C-alpha cells in the first residue's frame, strides 16, 4: 500500500513539473533514495528488473512436463 502512495506522490510531482527530493521521500516511506529515484525514472510504476528476460533452469523441461499433463 505504501508503494502505491509513493508512486502516486511521484506522479503528483511529475504533473506539477517539480523534481522531488528523493532523500526526503525515502525517509517518509522507509525506502532507499536510489529506489525512489528508480521509480521516478520508470515514468510511473515499478522499474523493469530484467529477471523476466533470462532463461530459467526449468525452461529446458517445460515440454516434458507439459507432455505429462502436469501443467
PDB file of N, CA and C in Angstrom:
ATOM      1  N   UNK A   1       0.828  -1.193   0.000  1.00  0.00           N
ATOM      2  CA  UNK A   1       0.000   0.000   0.000  1.00  0.00           C
ATOM      3  C   UNK A   1       0.869   1.252   0.000  1.00  0.00           C
ATOM      4  N   UNK A   2       1.933   1.223   0.785  1.00  0.00           N
ATOM      5  CA  UNK A   2       2.806   2.387   0.860  1.00  0.00           C
ATOM      6  C   UNK A   2       3.498   2.636  -0.471  1.00  0.00           C
ATOM      7  N   UNK A   3       3.751   1.536  -1.210  1.00  0.00           N
ATOM      8  CA  UNK A   3       4.403   1.704  -2.501  1.00  0.00           C
ATOM      9  C   UNK A   3       3.492   2.437  -3.485  1.00  0.00           C
ATOM     10  N   UNK A   4       2.204   2.161  -3.422  1.00  0.00           N
ATOM     11  CA  UNK A   4       1.255   2.880  -4.278  1.00  0.00           C
ATOM     12  C   UNK A   4       1.236   4.361  -3.929  1.00  0.00           C
ATOM     13  N   UNK A   5       1.287   4.665  -2.627  1.00  0.00           N
ATOM     14  CA  UNK A   5       1.303   6.062  -2.206  1.00  0.00           C
ATOM     15  C   UNK A   5       2.573   6.750  -2.684  1.00  0.00           C
ATOM     16  N   UNK A   6       3.691   6.034  -2.621  1.00  0.00           N
ATOM     17  CA  UNK A   6       4.962   6.585  -3.084  1.00  0.00           C
ATOM     18  C   UNK A   6       4.893   6.909  -4.571  1.00  0.00           C
ATOM     19  N   UNK A   7       4.408   5.968  -5.356  1.00  0.00           N
ATOM     20  CA  UNK A   7       4.311   6.185  -6.803  1.00  0.00           C
ATOM     21  C   UNK A   7       3.308   7.292  -7.104  1.00  0.00           C
ATOM     22  N   UNK A   8       2.225   7.353  -6.347  1.00  0.00           N
ATOM     23  CA  UNK A   8       1.243   8.419  -6.531  1.00  0.00           C
ATOM     24  C   UNK A   8       1.822   9.785  -6.222  1.00  0.00           C
ATOM     25  N   UNK A   9       2.632   9.854  -5.167  1.00  0.00           N
ATOM     26  CA  UNK A   9       3.267  11.130  -4.828  1.00  0.00           C
ATOM     27  C   UNK A   9       4.241  11.551  -5.918  1.00  0.00           C
ATOM     28  N   UNK A  10       4.990  10.603  -6.454  1.00  0.00           N
ATOM     29  CA  UNK A  10       5.912  10.928  -7.545  1.00  0.00           C
ATOM     30  C   UNK A  10       5.155  11.391  -8.784  1.00  0.00           C
ATOM     31  N   UNK A  11       3.996  10.801  -9.038  1.00  0.00           N
ATOM     32  CA  UNK A  11       3.168  11.235 -10.170  1.00  0.00           C
ATOM     33  C   UNK A  11       2.683  12.677  -9.980  1.00  0.00           C
ATOM     34  N   UNK A  12       2.361  13.032  -8.729  1.00  0.00           N
ATOM     35  CA  UNK A  12       1.929  14.414  -8.457  1.00  0.00           C
ATOM     36  C   UNK A  12       3.063  15.396  -8.735  1.00  0.00           C
ATOM     37  N   UNK A  13       4.272  15.041  -8.330  1.00  0.00           N
ATOM     38  CA  UNK A  13       5.421  15.907  -8.609  1.00  0.00           C
ATOM     39  C   UNK A  13       5.657  16.016 -10.113  1.00  0.00           C
ATOM     40  N   UNK A  14       5.492  14.896 -10.817  1.00  0.00           N
ATOM     41  CA  UNK A  14       5.721  14.890 -12.267  1.00  0.00           C
ATOM     42  C   UNK A  14       4.711  15.805 -12.965  1.00  0.00           C
ATOM     43  N   UNK A  15       3.438  15.736 -12.547  1.00  0.00           N
ATOM     44  CA  UNK A  15       2.402  16.579 -13.139  1.00  0.00           C
ATOM     45  C   UNK A  15       2.649  18.057 -12.854  1.00  0.00           C
ATOM     46  N   UNK A  16       3.213  18.345 -11.676  1.00  0.00           N
ATOM     47  CA  UNK A  16       3.498  19.735 -11.319  1.00  0.00           C
ATOM     48  C   UNK A  16       4.787  20.235 -11.967  1.00  0.00           C
ATOM     49  N   UNK A  17       5.572  19.325 -12.545  1.00  0.00           N
ATOM     50  CA  UNK A  17       6.817  19.727 -13.184  1.00  0.00           C
ATOM     51  C   UNK A  17       7.938  19.998 -12.192  1.00  0.00           C
ATOM     52  N   UNK A  18       7.870  19.368 -11.030  1.00  0.00           N
ATOM     53  CA  UNK A  18       8.851  19.586  -9.968  1.00  0.00           C
ATOM     54  C   UNK A  18       9.657  18.309  -9.769  1.00  0.00           C
ATOM     55  N   UNK A  19      10.977  18.442  -9.656  1.00  0.00           N
ATOM     56  CA  UNK A  19      11.802  17.292  -9.322  1.00  0.00           C
ATOM     57  C   UNK A  19      11.781  17.140  -7.802  1.00  0.00           C
ATOM     58  N   UNK A  20      11.363  15.980  -7.303  1.00  0.00           N
ATOM     59  CA  UNK A  20      11.226  15.807  -5.853  1.00  0.00           C
ATOM     60  C   UNK A  20      12.561  15.583  -5.154  1.00  0.00           C
ATOM     61  N   UNK A  21      12.546  15.753  -3.839  1.00  0.00           N
ATOM     62  CA  UNK A  21      13.695  15.448  -3.003  1.00  0.00           C
ATOM     63  C   UNK A  21      13.608  13.959  -2.670  1.00  0.00           C
ATOM     64  N   UNK A  22      14.418  13.145  -3.340  1.00  0.00           N
ATOM     65  CA  UNK A  22      14.341  11.702  -3.184  1.00  0.00           C
ATOM     66  C   UNK A  22      14.678  11.257  -1.768  1.00  0.00           C
ATOM     67  N   UNK A  23      15.610  11.925  -1.115  1.00  0.00           N
ATOM     68  CA  UNK A  23      16.003  11.542   0.245  1.00  0.00           C
ATOM     69  C   UNK A  23      14.860  11.759   1.230  1.00  0.00           C
ATOM     70  N   UNK A  24      14.171  12.877   1.101  1.00  0.00           N
ATOM     71  CA  UNK A  24      13.045  13.167   1.990  1.00  0.00           C
ATOM     72  C   UNK A  24      11.915  12.156   1.799  1.00  0.00           C
ATOM     73  N   UNK A  25      11.592  11.866   0.565  1.00  0.00           N
ATOM     74  CA  UNK A  25      10.534  10.903   0.273  1.00  0.00           C
ATOM     75  C   UNK A  25      10.928   9.507   0.763  1.00  0.00           C
ATOM     76  N   UNK A  26      12.187   9.139   0.573  1.00  0.00           N
ATOM     77  CA  UNK A  26      12.656   7.822   1.003  1.00  0.00           C
ATOM     78  C   UNK A  26      12.542   7.653   2.509  1.00  0.00           C
ATOM     79  N   UNK A  27      12.838   8.694   3.260  1.00  0.00           N
ATOM     80  CA  UNK A  27      12.730   8.622   4.724  1.00  0.00           C
ATOM     81  C   UNK A  27      11.278   8.422   5.147  1.00  0.00           C
ATOM     82  N   UNK A  28      10.360   9.107   4.481  1.00  0.00           N
ATOM     83  CA  UNK A  28       8.950   9.002   4.853  1.00  0.00           C
ATOM     84  C   UNK A  28       8.355   7.633   4.546  1.00  0.00           C
ATOM     85  N   UNK A  29       8.825   7.003   3.483  1.00  0.00           N
ATOM     86  CA  UNK A  29       8.262   5.723   3.070  1.00  0.00           C
ATOM     87  C   UNK A  29       9.128   4.531   3.464  1.00  0.00           C
ATOM     88  N   UNK A  30      10.259   4.771   4.122  1.00  0.00           N
ATOM     89  CA  UNK A  30      11.120   3.682   4.555  1.00  0.00           C
ATOM     90  C   UNK A  30      11.813   2.967   3.416  1.00  0.00           C
ATOM     91  N   UNK A  31      12.166   3.698   2.381  1.00  0.00           N
ATOM     92  CA  UNK A  31      12.858   3.143   1.216  1.00  0.00           C
ATOM     93  C   UNK A  31      14.233   3.793   1.097  1.00  0.00           C
ATOM     94  N   UNK A  32      15.048   3.260   0.207  1.00  0.00           N
ATOM     95  CA  UNK A  32      16.332   3.864  -0.106  1.00  0.00           C
ATOM     96  C   UNK A  32      16.115   4.966  -1.144  1.00  0.00           C
ATOM     97  N   UNK A  33      16.921   6.028  -1.086  1.00  0.00           N
ATOM     98  CA  UNK A  33      16.725   7.130  -2.024  1.00  0.00           C
ATOM     99  C   UNK A  33      16.973   6.700  -3.465  1.00  0.00           C
ATOM    100  N   UNK A  34      17.832   5.696  -3.660  1.00  0.00           N
ATOM    101  CA  UNK A  34      18.077   5.192  -5.009  1.00  0.00           C
ATOM    102  C   UNK A  34      16.854   4.446  -5.551  1.00  0.00           C
ATOM    103  N   UNK A  35      16.114   3.786  -4.672  1.00  0.00           N
ATOM    104  CA  UNK A  35      14.886   3.110  -5.072  1.00  0.00           C
ATOM    105  C   UNK A  35      13.843   4.130  -5.511  1.00  0.00           C
ATOM    106  N   UNK A  36      13.709   5.197  -4.743  1.00  0.00           N
ATOM    107  CA  UNK A  36      12.756   6.259  -5.094  1.00  0.00           C
ATOM    108  C   UNK A  36      13.145   6.874  -6.436  1.00  0.00           C
ATOM    109  N   UNK A  37      14.432   7.094  -6.648  1.00  0.00           N
ATOM    110  CA  UNK A  37      14.893   7.673  -7.909  1.00  0.00           C
ATOM    111  C   UNK A  37      14.615   6.738  -9.080  1.00  0.00           C
ATOM    112  N   UNK A  38      14.747   5.425  -8.866  1.00  0.00           N
ATOM    113  CA  UNK A  38      14.464   4.496  -9.955  1.00  0.00           C
ATOM    114  C   UNK A  38      12.974   4.466 -10.276  1.00  0.00           C
ATOM    115  N   UNK A  39      12.111   4.633  -9.252  1.00  0.00           N
ATOM    116  CA  UNK A  39      10.677   4.749  -9.512  1.00  0.00           C
ATOM    117  C   UNK A  39      10.388   6.011 -10.316  1.00  0.00           C
ATOM    118  N   UNK A  40      11.086   7.086 -10.015  1.00  0.00           N
ATOM    119  CA  UNK A  40      10.911   8.351 -10.732  1.00  0.00           C
ATOM    120  C   UNK A  40      11.300   8.179 -12.200  1.00  0.00           C
ATOM    121  N   UNK A  41      12.411   7.501 -12.454  1.00  0.00           N
ATOM    122  CA  UNK A  41      12.861   7.297 -13.828  1.00  0.00           C
ATOM    123  C   UNK A  41      11.976   6.313 -14.587  1.00  0.00           C
ATOM    124  N   UNK A  42      11.207   5.482 -13.883  1.00  0.00           N
ATOM    125  CA  UNK A  42      10.359   4.473 -14.528  1.00  0.00           C
ATOM    126  C   UNK A  42       9.081   5.080 -15.099  1.00  0.00           C
ATOM    127  N   UNK A  43       8.867   6.372 -14.935  1.00  0.00           N
ATOM    128  CA  UNK A  43       7.689   7.050 -15.504  1.00  0.00           C
ATOM    129  C   UNK A  43       6.383   6.464 -14.969  1.00  0.00           C
ATOM    130  N   UNK A  44       6.266   6.365 -13.680  1.00  0.00           N
ATOM    131  CA  UNK A  44       5.027   5.900 -13.068  1.00  0.00           C
ATOM    132  C   UNK A  44       4.931   4.391 -13.059  1.00  0.00           C
ATOM    133  N   UNK A  45       5.270   3.788 -11.981  1.00  0.00           N
ATOM    134  CA  UNK A  45       5.226   2.338 -11.879  1.00  0.00           C
ATOM    135  C   UNK A  45       6.568   1.779 -11.452  1.00  0.00           C
ATOM    136  N   UNK A  46       6.596   0.482 -11.336  1.00  0.00           N
ATOM    137  CA  UNK A  46       7.828  -0.170 -10.915  1.00  0.00           C
ATOM    138  C   UNK A  46       8.784  -0.288 -12.085  1.00  0.00           C
ATOM    139  N   UNK A  47      10.060  -0.092 -11.840  1.00  0.00           N
ATOM    140  CA  UNK A  47      11.038  -0.225 -12.924  1.00  0.00           C
ATOM    141  C   UNK A  47      11.183  -1.676 -13.365  1.00  0.00           C
ATOM    142  N   UNK A  48      11.565  -1.872 -14.608  1.00  0.00           N
ATOM    143  CA  UNK A  48      11.789  -3.203 -15.153  1.00  0.00           C
ATOM    144  C   UNK A  48      13.050  -3.770 -14.523  1.00  0.00           C
ATOM    145  N   UNK A  49      12.974  -4.956 -13.940  1.00  0.00           N
ATOM    146  CA  UNK A  49      14.135  -5.508 -13.257  1.00  0.00           C
ATOM    147  C   UNK A  49      14.955  -6.456 -14.116  1.00  0.00           C
ATOM    148  N   UNK A  50      14.453  -6.881 -15.243  1.00  0.00           N
ATOM    149  CA  UNK A  50      15.227  -7.702 -16.161  1.00  0.00           C
ATOM    150  C   UNK A  50      15.187  -9.194 -15.870  1.00  0.00           C
ATOM    151  N   UNK A  51      14.557  -9.611 -14.785  1.00  0.00           N
ATOM    152  CA  UNK A  51      14.550 -11.035 -14.464  1.00  0.00           C
ATOM    153  C   UNK A  51      13.710 -11.841 -15.445  1.00  0.00           C
ATOM    154  N   UNK A  52      12.683 -11.246 -16.022  1.00  0.00           N
ATOM    155  CA  UNK A  52      11.839 -11.975 -16.960  1.00  0.00           C
ATOM    156  C   UNK A  52      12.515 -12.244 -18.287  1.00  0.00           C
ATOM    157  N   UNK A  53      13.612 -11.567 -18.564  1.00  0.00           N
ATOM    158  CA  UNK A  53      14.315 -11.729 -19.831  1.00  0.00           C
ATOM    159  C   UNK A  53      15.250 -12.930 -19.839  1.00  0.00           C
ATOM    160  N   UNK A  54      15.607 -13.443 -18.656  1.00  0.00           N
ATOM    161  CA  UNK A  54      16.563 -14.543 -18.572  1.00  0.00           C
ATOM    162  C   UNK A  54      15.841 -15.888 -18.637  1.00  0.00           C
ATOM    163  N   UNK A  55      16.539 -16.863 -19.158  1.00  0.00           N
ATOM    164  CA  UNK A  55      16.006 -18.218 -19.172  1.00  0.00           C
ATOM    165  C   UNK A  55      16.207 -18.834 -17.793  1.00  0.00           C
ATOM    166  N   UNK A  56      15.239 -19.590 -17.350  1.00  0.00           N
ATOM    167  CA  UNK A  56      15.340 -20.244 -16.057  1.00  0.00           C
ATOM    168  C   UNK A  56      15.805 -21.681 -16.197  1.00  0.00           C
ATOM    169  N   UNK A  57      16.141 -22.288 -15.096  1.00  0.00           N
ATOM    170  CA  UNK A  57      16.607 -23.677 -15.126  1.00  0.00           C
ATOM    171  C   UNK A  57      15.464 -24.638 -15.466  1.00  0.00           C
ATOM    172  N   UNK A  58      14.247 -24.230 -15.244  1.00  0.00           N
ATOM    173  CA  UNK A  58      13.080 -25.061 -15.517  1.00  0.00           C
ATOM    174  C   UNK A  58      12.687 -25.034 -16.995  1.00  0.00           C
ATOM    175  N   UNK A  59      13.120 -24.021 -17.731  1.00  0.00           N
ATOM    176  CA  UNK A  59      12.696 -23.846 -19.121  1.00  0.00           C
ATOM    177  C   UNK A  59      13.059 -25.030 -20.014  1.00  0.00           C
ATOM    178  N   UNK A  60      14.159 -25.708 -19.724  1.00  0.00           N
ATOM    179  CA  UNK A  60      14.565 -26.844 -20.550  1.00  0.00           C
ATOM    180  C   UNK A  60      13.623 -28.032 -20.387  1.00  0.00           C
ATOM    181  N   UNK A  61      12.857 -28.069 -19.315  1.00  0.00           N
ATOM    182  CA  UNK A  61      11.999 -29.215 -19.023  1.00  0.00           C
ATOM    183  C   UNK A  61      10.514 -28.929 -19.196  1.00  0.00           C
ATOM    184  N   UNK A  62      10.146 -27.769 -19.660  1.00  0.00           N
ATOM    185  CA  UNK A  62       8.731 -27.396 -19.776  1.00  0.00           C
ATOM    186  C   UNK A  62       7.980 -28.325 -20.735  1.00  0.00           C
ATOM    187  N   UNK A  63       8.585 -28.652 -21.860  1.00  0.00           N
ATOM    188  CA  UNK A  63       7.910 -29.514 -22.831  1.00  0.00           C
ATOM    189  C   UNK A  63       7.656 -30.902 -22.242  1.00  0.00           C
ATOM    190  N   UNK A  64       8.622 -31.426 -21.502  1.00  0.00           N
ATOM    191  CA  UNK A  64       8.480 -32.747 -20.898  1.00  0.00           C
ATOM    192  C   UNK A  64       7.352 -32.753 -19.856  1.00  0.00           C
ATOM    193  N   UNK A  65       7.294 -31.707 -19.044  1.00  0.00           N
ATOM    194  CA  UNK A  65       6.252 -31.622 -18.018  1.00  0.00           C
ATOM    195  C   UNK A  65       4.883 -31.420 -18.671  1.00  0.00           C
ATOM    196  N   UNK A  66       4.823 -30.613 -19.714  1.00  0.00           N
ATOM    197  CA  UNK A  66       3.565 -30.393 -20.419  1.00  0.00           C
ATOM    198  C   UNK A  66       3.076 -31.685 -21.075  1.00  0.00           C
ATOM    199  N   UNK A  67       3.994 -32.508 -21.568  1.00  0.00           N
ATOM    200  CA  UNK A  67       3.612 -33.767 -22.182  1.00  0.00           C
ATOM    201  C   UNK A  67       3.037 -34.743 -21.144  1.00  0.00           C
ATOM    202  N   UNK A  68       3.501 -34.642 -19.902  1.00  0.00           N
ATOM    203  CA  UNK A  68       2.987 -35.485 -18.827  1.00  0.00           C
ATOM    204  C   UNK A  68       1.642 -34.983 -18.327  1.00  0.00           C
ATOM    205  N   UNK A  69       1.246 -33.790 -18.728  1.00  0.00           N
ATOM    206  CA  UNK A  69      -0.041 -33.229 -18.329  1.00  0.00           C
ATOM    207  C   UNK A  69      -0.037 -32.616 -16.943  1.00  0.00           C
ATOM    208  N   UNK A  70       1.128 -32.273 -16.426  1.00  0.00           N
ATOM    209  CA  UNK A  70       1.213 -31.688 -15.101  1.00  0.00           C
ATOM    210  C   UNK A  70       0.969 -30.188 -15.086  1.00  0.00           C
ATOM    211  N   UNK A  71       1.095 -29.531 -16.219  1.00  0.00           N
ATOM    212  CA  UNK A  71       0.781 -28.095 -16.286  1.00  0.00           C
ATOM    213  C   UNK A  71      -0.176 -27.829 -17.415  1.00  0.00           C
TER     214      UNK A  71
END
